[in-house]
PDB file of N, CA and C in Angstrom:
ATOM      1  N   UNK A   1       0.853  -1.177   0.000  1.00  0.00           N
ATOM      2  CA  UNK A   1       0.000   0.000   0.000  1.00  0.00           C
ATOM      3  C   UNK A   1       0.900   1.241   0.000  1.00  0.00           C
ATOM      4  N   UNK A   2       0.481   2.236  -0.776  1.00  0.00           N
ATOM      5  CA  UNK A   2       1.183   3.521  -0.766  1.00  0.00           C
ATOM      6  C   UNK A   2       0.156   4.651  -0.701  1.00  0.00           C
ATOM      7  N   UNK A   3       0.566   5.741  -0.082  1.00  0.00           N
ATOM      8  CA  UNK A   3      -0.291   6.929   0.055  1.00  0.00           C
ATOM      9  C   UNK A   3       0.536   8.141  -0.351  1.00  0.00           C
ATOM     10  N   UNK A   4      -0.072   9.003  -1.167  1.00  0.00           N
ATOM     11  CA  UNK A   4       0.610  10.234  -1.557  1.00  0.00           C
ATOM     12  C   UNK A   4      -0.397  11.377  -1.620  1.00  0.00           C
ATOM     13  N   UNK A   5       0.113  12.607  -1.517  1.00  0.00           N
ATOM     14  CA  UNK A   5      -0.739  13.803  -1.605  1.00  0.00           C
ATOM     15  C   UNK A   5      -1.215  13.989  -3.043  1.00  0.00           C
ATOM     16  N   UNK A   6      -2.467  14.350  -3.203  1.00  0.00           N
ATOM     17  CA  UNK A   6      -3.000  14.720  -4.505  1.00  0.00           C
ATOM     18  C   UNK A   6      -2.558  16.158  -4.771  1.00  0.00           C
ATOM     19  N   UNK A   7      -1.800  16.355  -5.823  1.00  0.00           N
ATOM     20  CA  UNK A   7      -1.336  17.689  -6.195  1.00  0.00           C
ATOM     21  C   UNK A   7      -2.199  18.235  -7.312  1.00  0.00           C
ATOM     22  N   UNK A   8      -2.617  19.500  -7.223  1.00  0.00           N
ATOM     23  CA  UNK A   8      -3.451  20.073  -8.273  1.00  0.00           C
ATOM     24  C   UNK A   8      -2.667  20.231  -9.583  1.00  0.00           C
ATOM     25  N   UNK A   9      -3.206  19.678 -10.640  1.00  0.00           N
ATOM     26  CA  UNK A   9      -2.666  19.887 -11.987  1.00  0.00           C
ATOM     27  C   UNK A   9      -3.672  20.647 -12.843  1.00  0.00           C
ATOM     28  N   UNK A  10      -4.954  20.430 -12.590  1.00  0.00           N
ATOM     29  CA  UNK A  10      -6.022  21.044 -13.372  1.00  0.00           C
ATOM     30  C   UNK A  10      -6.755  22.129 -12.586  1.00  0.00           C
ATOM     31  N   UNK A  11      -6.637  22.123 -11.276  1.00  0.00           N
ATOM     32  CA  UNK A  11      -7.294  23.091 -10.401  1.00  0.00           C
ATOM     33  C   UNK A  11      -6.408  24.330 -10.281  1.00  0.00           C
ATOM     34  N   UNK A  12      -7.018  25.480 -10.033  1.00  0.00           N
ATOM     35  CA  UNK A  12      -6.266  26.734  -9.933  1.00  0.00           C
ATOM     36  C   UNK A  12      -5.498  26.870  -8.615  1.00  0.00           C
ATOM     37  N   UNK A  13      -5.785  26.008  -7.655  1.00  0.00           N
ATOM     38  CA  UNK A  13      -5.083  26.063  -6.374  1.00  0.00           C
ATOM     39  C   UNK A  13      -3.612  25.686  -6.554  1.00  0.00           C
ATOM     40  N   UNK A  14      -2.763  26.288  -5.748  1.00  0.00           N
ATOM     41  CA  UNK A  14      -1.341  25.932  -5.780  1.00  0.00           C
ATOM     42  C   UNK A  14      -1.104  24.605  -5.065  1.00  0.00           C
ATOM     43  N   UNK A  15      -1.957  24.300  -4.068  1.00  0.00           N
ATOM     44  CA  UNK A  15      -1.807  23.089  -3.279  1.00  0.00           C
ATOM     45  C   UNK A  15      -3.138  22.766  -2.610  1.00  0.00           C
ATOM     46  N   UNK A  16      -3.307  21.501  -2.253  1.00  0.00           N
ATOM     47  CA  UNK A  16      -4.453  21.109  -1.434  1.00  0.00           C
ATOM     48  C   UNK A  16      -4.033  20.986   0.037  1.00  0.00           C
ATOM     49  N   UNK A  17      -2.796  21.364   0.341  1.00  0.00           N
ATOM     50  CA  UNK A  17      -2.274  21.450   1.707  1.00  0.00           C
ATOM     51  C   UNK A  17      -2.447  20.161   2.509  1.00  0.00           C
ATOM     52  N   UNK A  18      -2.251  19.033   1.845  1.00  0.00           N
ATOM     53  CA  UNK A  18      -2.310  17.744   2.526  1.00  0.00           C
ATOM     54  C   UNK A  18      -3.707  17.270   2.875  1.00  0.00           C
ATOM     55  N   UNK A  19      -4.729  17.978   2.412  1.00  0.00           N
ATOM     56  CA  UNK A  19      -6.113  17.605   2.730  1.00  0.00           C
ATOM     57  C   UNK A  19      -6.662  16.537   1.787  1.00  0.00           C
ATOM     58  N   UNK A  20      -5.997  16.325   0.628  1.00  0.00           N
ATOM     59  CA  UNK A  20      -6.417  15.303  -0.332  1.00  0.00           C
ATOM     60  C   UNK A  20      -5.267  14.324  -0.521  1.00  0.00           C
ATOM     61  N   UNK A  21      -5.541  13.053  -0.293  1.00  0.00           N
ATOM     62  CA  UNK A  21      -4.523  12.023  -0.432  1.00  0.00           C
ATOM     63  C   UNK A  21      -5.068  10.903  -1.311  1.00  0.00           C
ATOM     64  N   UNK A  22      -4.144  10.212  -1.964  1.00  0.00           N
ATOM     65  CA  UNK A  22      -4.497   9.075  -2.801  1.00  0.00           C
ATOM     66  C   UNK A  22      -3.829   7.844  -2.209  1.00  0.00           C
ATOM     67  N   UNK A  23      -4.632   6.802  -1.994  1.00  0.00           N
ATOM     68  CA  UNK A  23      -4.133   5.551  -1.450  1.00  0.00           C
ATOM     69  C   UNK A  23      -4.234   4.483  -2.543  1.00  0.00           C
ATOM     70  N   UNK A  24      -3.118   3.834  -2.818  1.00  0.00           N
ATOM     71  CA  UNK A  24      -3.081   2.784  -3.831  1.00  0.00           C
ATOM     72  C   UNK A  24      -2.802   1.473  -3.126  1.00  0.00           C
ATOM     73  N   UNK A  25      -3.717   0.528  -3.331  1.00  0.00           N
ATOM     74  CA  UNK A  25      -3.590  -0.786  -2.705  1.00  0.00           C
ATOM     75  C   UNK A  25      -4.096  -1.833  -3.696  1.00  0.00           C
ATOM     76  N   UNK A  26      -3.175  -2.576  -4.285  1.00  0.00           N
ATOM     77  CA  UNK A  26      -3.556  -3.576  -5.279  1.00  0.00           C
ATOM     78  C   UNK A  26      -4.195  -2.918  -6.486  1.00  0.00           C
ATOM     79  N   UNK A  27      -5.383  -3.374  -6.866  1.00  0.00           N
ATOM     80  CA  UNK A  27      -6.125  -2.837  -8.016  1.00  0.00           C
ATOM     81  C   UNK A  27      -7.048  -1.685  -7.643  1.00  0.00           C
ATOM     82  N   UNK A  28      -6.908  -1.163  -6.427  1.00  0.00           N
ATOM     83  CA  UNK A  28      -7.800  -0.112  -5.943  1.00  0.00           C
ATOM     84  C   UNK A  28      -7.017   1.170  -5.656  1.00  0.00           C
ATOM     85  N   UNK A  29      -7.503   2.273  -6.223  1.00  0.00           N
ATOM     86  CA  UNK A  29      -6.946   3.597  -5.958  1.00  0.00           C
ATOM     87  C   UNK A  29      -8.061   4.417  -5.319  1.00  0.00           C
ATOM     88  N   UNK A  30      -7.840   4.883  -4.098  1.00  0.00           N
ATOM     89  CA  UNK A  30      -8.875   5.572  -3.327  1.00  0.00           C
ATOM     90  C   UNK A  30      -8.454   7.005  -3.043  1.00  0.00           C
ATOM     91  N   UNK A  31      -9.380   7.934  -3.235  1.00  0.00           N
ATOM     92  CA  UNK A  31      -9.165   9.335  -2.878  1.00  0.00           C
ATOM     93  C   UNK A  31      -9.673   9.563  -1.468  1.00  0.00           C
ATOM     94  N   UNK A  32      -8.813  10.137  -0.629  1.00  0.00           N
ATOM     95  CA  UNK A  32      -9.192  10.518   0.724  1.00  0.00           C
ATOM     96  C   UNK A  32      -9.220  12.044   0.791  1.00  0.00           C
ATOM     97  N   UNK A  33     -10.338  12.593   1.216  1.00  0.00           N
ATOM     98  CA  UNK A  33     -10.458  14.025   1.410  1.00  0.00           C
ATOM     99  C   UNK A  33     -10.726  14.250   2.887  1.00  0.00           C
ATOM    100  N   UNK A  34      -9.844  14.992   3.540  1.00  0.00           N
ATOM    101  CA  UNK A  34      -9.924  15.167   4.989  1.00  0.00           C
ATOM    102  C   UNK A  34      -9.976  13.813   5.695  1.00  0.00           C
ATOM    103  N   UNK A  35      -9.146  12.871   5.218  1.00  0.00           N
ATOM    104  CA  UNK A  35      -9.013  11.513   5.775  1.00  0.00           C
ATOM    105  C   UNK A  35     -10.264  10.652   5.627  1.00  0.00           C
ATOM    106  N   UNK A  36     -11.202  11.055   4.787  1.00  0.00           N
ATOM    107  CA  UNK A  36     -12.414  10.287   4.538  1.00  0.00           C
ATOM    108  C   UNK A  36     -12.389   9.776   3.099  1.00  0.00           C
ATOM    109  N   UNK A  37     -12.591   8.473   2.876  1.00  0.00           N
ATOM    110  CA  UNK A  37     -12.655   7.961   1.506  1.00  0.00           C
ATOM    111  C   UNK A  37     -13.876   8.538   0.784  1.00  0.00           C
ATOM    112  N   UNK A  38     -13.646   9.176  -0.380  1.00  0.00           N
ATOM    113  CA  UNK A  38     -14.751   9.830  -1.091  1.00  0.00           C
ATOM    114  C   UNK A  38     -14.927   9.323  -2.522  1.00  0.00           C
ATOM    115  N   UNK A  39     -13.904   8.697  -3.079  1.00  0.00           N
ATOM    116  CA  UNK A  39     -14.013   8.155  -4.436  1.00  0.00           C
ATOM    117  C   UNK A  39     -12.941   7.090  -4.593  1.00  0.00           C
ATOM    118  N   UNK A  40     -13.186   6.175  -5.555  1.00  0.00           N
ATOM    119  CA  UNK A  40     -12.180   5.147  -5.794  1.00  0.00           C
ATOM    120  C   UNK A  40     -12.287   4.615  -7.204  1.00  0.00           C
ATOM    121  N   UNK A  41     -11.199   4.020  -7.618  1.00  0.00           N
ATOM    122  CA  UNK A  41     -11.133   3.334  -8.899  1.00  0.00           C
ATOM    123  C   UNK A  41     -10.728   1.905  -8.589  1.00  0.00           C
ATOM    124  N   UNK A  42     -11.595   0.954  -8.959  1.00  0.00           N
ATOM    125  CA  UNK A  42     -11.326  -0.459  -8.724  1.00  0.00           C
ATOM    126  C   UNK A  42     -11.291  -1.156 -10.075  1.00  0.00           C
ATOM    127  N   UNK A  43     -10.147  -1.721 -10.401  1.00  0.00           N
ATOM    128  CA  UNK A  43      -9.966  -2.417 -11.689  1.00  0.00           C
ATOM    129  C   UNK A  43     -10.419  -1.546 -12.861  1.00  0.00           C
ATOM    130  N   UNK A  44     -10.100  -0.251 -12.793  1.00  0.00           N
ATOM    131  CA  UNK A  44     -10.425   0.676 -13.873  1.00  0.00           C
ATOM    132  C   UNK A  44     -11.821   1.274 -13.830  1.00  0.00           C
ATOM    133  N   UNK A  45     -12.648   0.869 -12.886  1.00  0.00           N
ATOM    134  CA  UNK A  45     -14.020   1.388 -12.777  1.00  0.00           C
ATOM    135  C   UNK A  45     -14.089   2.443 -11.666  1.00  0.00           C
ATOM    136  N   UNK A  46     -14.555   3.660 -12.023  1.00  0.00           N
ATOM    137  CA  UNK A  46     -14.636   4.767 -11.080  1.00  0.00           C
ATOM    138  C   UNK A  46     -15.941   4.714 -10.300  1.00  0.00           C
ATOM    139  N   UNK A  47     -15.852   5.084  -9.025  1.00  0.00           N
ATOM    140  CA  UNK A  47     -17.033   5.103  -8.158  1.00  0.00           C
ATOM    141  C   UNK A  47     -16.919   6.244  -7.156  1.00  0.00           C
ATOM    142  N   UNK A  48     -17.960   7.068  -7.064  1.00  0.00           N
ATOM    143  CA  UNK A  48     -18.029   8.080  -6.006  1.00  0.00           C
ATOM    144  C   UNK A  48     -18.645   7.414  -4.788  1.00  0.00           C
ATOM    145  N   UNK A  49     -18.062   7.644  -3.640  1.00  0.00           N
ATOM    146  CA  UNK A  49     -18.583   7.095  -2.396  1.00  0.00           C
ATOM    147  C   UNK A  49     -19.565   8.088  -1.782  1.00  0.00           C
ATOM    148  N   UNK A  50     -20.413   7.651  -0.866  1.00  0.00           N
ATOM    149  CA  UNK A  50     -21.477   8.519  -0.339  1.00  0.00           C
ATOM    150  C   UNK A  50     -21.009   9.876   0.199  1.00  0.00           C
ATOM    151  N   UNK A  51     -19.807   9.975   0.708  1.00  0.00           N
ATOM    152  CA  UNK A  51     -19.339  11.221   1.320  1.00  0.00           C
ATOM    153  C   UNK A  51     -18.746  12.201   0.310  1.00  0.00           C
ATOM    154  N   UNK A  52     -18.772  11.902  -0.989  1.00  0.00           N
ATOM    155  CA  UNK A  52     -18.076  12.730  -1.981  1.00  0.00           C
ATOM    156  C   UNK A  52     -18.618  14.152  -2.064  1.00  0.00           C
ATOM    157  N   UNK A  53     -19.856  14.377  -1.727  1.00  0.00           N
ATOM    158  CA  UNK A  53     -20.508  15.672  -1.935  1.00  0.00           C
ATOM    159  C   UNK A  53     -20.643  16.467  -0.633  1.00  0.00           C
ATOM    160  N   UNK A  54     -19.767  16.230   0.326  1.00  0.00           N
ATOM    161  CA  UNK A  54     -19.894  16.862   1.645  1.00  0.00           C
ATOM    162  C   UNK A  54     -19.566  18.344   1.651  1.00  0.00           C
ATOM    163  N   UNK A  55     -18.554  18.742   0.910  1.00  0.00           N
ATOM    164  CA  UNK A  55     -18.157  20.148   0.931  1.00  0.00           C
ATOM    165  C   UNK A  55     -17.667  20.567  -0.444  1.00  0.00           C
ATOM    166  N   UNK A  56     -17.603  21.854  -0.640  1.00  0.00           N
ATOM    167  CA  UNK A  56     -17.113  22.393  -1.906  1.00  0.00           C
ATOM    168  C   UNK A  56     -15.669  21.957  -2.149  1.00  0.00           C
ATOM    169  N   UNK A  57     -14.872  21.969  -1.108  1.00  0.00           N
ATOM    170  CA  UNK A  57     -13.472  21.568  -1.247  1.00  0.00           C
ATOM    171  C   UNK A  57     -13.348  20.092  -1.594  1.00  0.00           C
ATOM    172  N   UNK A  58     -14.131  19.237  -0.966  1.00  0.00           N
ATOM    173  CA  UNK A  58     -14.098  17.810  -1.282  1.00  0.00           C
ATOM    174  C   UNK A  58     -14.500  17.583  -2.730  1.00  0.00           C
ATOM    175  N   UNK A  59     -15.483  18.314  -3.214  1.00  0.00           N
ATOM    176  CA  UNK A  59     -15.882  18.181  -4.627  1.00  0.00           C
ATOM    177  C   UNK A  59     -14.736  18.583  -5.550  1.00  0.00           C
ATOM    178  N   UNK A  60     -13.962  19.595  -5.160  1.00  0.00           N
ATOM    179  CA  UNK A  60     -12.775  19.990  -5.942  1.00  0.00           C
ATOM    180  C   UNK A  60     -11.765  18.848  -5.980  1.00  0.00           C
ATOM    181  N   UNK A  61     -11.563  18.206  -4.840  1.00  0.00           N
ATOM    182  CA  UNK A  61     -10.636  17.079  -4.771  1.00  0.00           C
ATOM    183  C   UNK A  61     -11.093  15.956  -5.707  1.00  0.00           C
ATOM    184  N   UNK A  62     -12.387  15.660  -5.681  1.00  0.00           N
ATOM    185  CA  UNK A  62     -12.925  14.589  -6.532  1.00  0.00           C
ATOM    186  C   UNK A  62     -12.746  14.940  -8.007  1.00  0.00           C
ATOM    187  N   UNK A  63     -13.062  16.180  -8.391  1.00  0.00           N
ATOM    188  CA  UNK A  63     -12.883  16.593  -9.797  1.00  0.00           C
ATOM    189  C   UNK A  63     -11.432  16.450 -10.238  1.00  0.00           C
ATOM    190  N   UNK A  64     -10.519  16.872  -9.377  1.00  0.00           N
ATOM    191  CA  UNK A  64      -9.092  16.767  -9.701  1.00  0.00           C
ATOM    192  C   UNK A  64      -8.678  15.304  -9.853  1.00  0.00           C
ATOM    193  N   UNK A  65      -9.096  14.462  -8.940  1.00  0.00           N
ATOM    194  CA  UNK A  65      -8.805  13.021  -8.979  1.00  0.00           C
ATOM    195  C   UNK A  65      -9.324  12.415 -10.282  1.00  0.00           C
ATOM    196  N   UNK A  66     -10.550  12.758 -10.646  1.00  0.00           N
ATOM    197  CA  UNK A  66     -11.146  12.240 -11.884  1.00  0.00           C
ATOM    198  C   UNK A  66     -10.339  12.680 -13.102  1.00  0.00           C
ATOM    199  N   UNK A  67     -10.042  13.954 -13.189  1.00  0.00           N
ATOM    200  CA  UNK A  67      -9.309  14.473 -14.354  1.00  0.00           C
ATOM    201  C   UNK A  67      -7.930  13.848 -14.464  1.00  0.00           C
ATOM    202  N   UNK A  68      -7.252  13.675 -13.347  1.00  0.00           N
ATOM    203  CA  UNK A  68      -5.910  13.081 -13.387  1.00  0.00           C
ATOM    204  C   UNK A  68      -5.942  11.624 -13.836  1.00  0.00           C
ATOM    205  N   UNK A  69      -7.089  10.980 -13.678  1.00  0.00           N
ATOM    206  CA  UNK A  69      -7.226   9.587 -14.088  1.00  0.00           C
ATOM    207  C   UNK A  69      -8.007   9.443 -15.400  1.00  0.00           C
ATOM    208  N   UNK A  70      -8.232  10.558 -16.090  1.00  0.00           N
ATOM    209  CA  UNK A  70      -8.880  10.524 -17.400  1.00  0.00           C
ATOM    210  C   UNK A  70     -10.351  10.174 -17.372  1.00  0.00           C
ATOM    211  N   UNK A  71     -11.027  10.514 -16.283  1.00  0.00           N
ATOM    212  CA  UNK A  71     -12.450  10.192 -16.127  1.00  0.00           C
ATOM    213  C   UNK A  71     -13.268  11.447 -16.350  1.00  0.00           C
ATOM    214  N   UNK A  72     -14.254  11.349 -17.228  1.00  0.00           N
ATOM    215  CA  UNK A  72     -15.155  12.466 -17.541  1.00  0.00           C
ATOM    216  C   UNK A  72     -16.197  12.602 -16.448  1.00  0.00           C
ATOM    217  N   UNK A  73     -16.598  13.835 -16.166  1.00  0.00           N
ATOM    218  CA  UNK A  73     -17.670  14.060 -15.175  1.00  0.00           C
ATOM    219  C   UNK A  73     -19.020  13.737 -15.755  1.00  0.00           C
TER     220      UNK A  73
END
């Protein structure tokens, strides 16, 4: 398992200040926003988890995660 900070490439923010992390474990890549799992990709299939729409900032994290993985909204 590895965990790294999600860095903005498509968002206008300079940084997410450690609030968005990506956890890779086997065939699963999970986005953590404020330490809460909010979206994941399992075997190439994207899924938003129930907490994805909690805040404006979390939605930004999800959009960035999707774009970096080539997933259309």
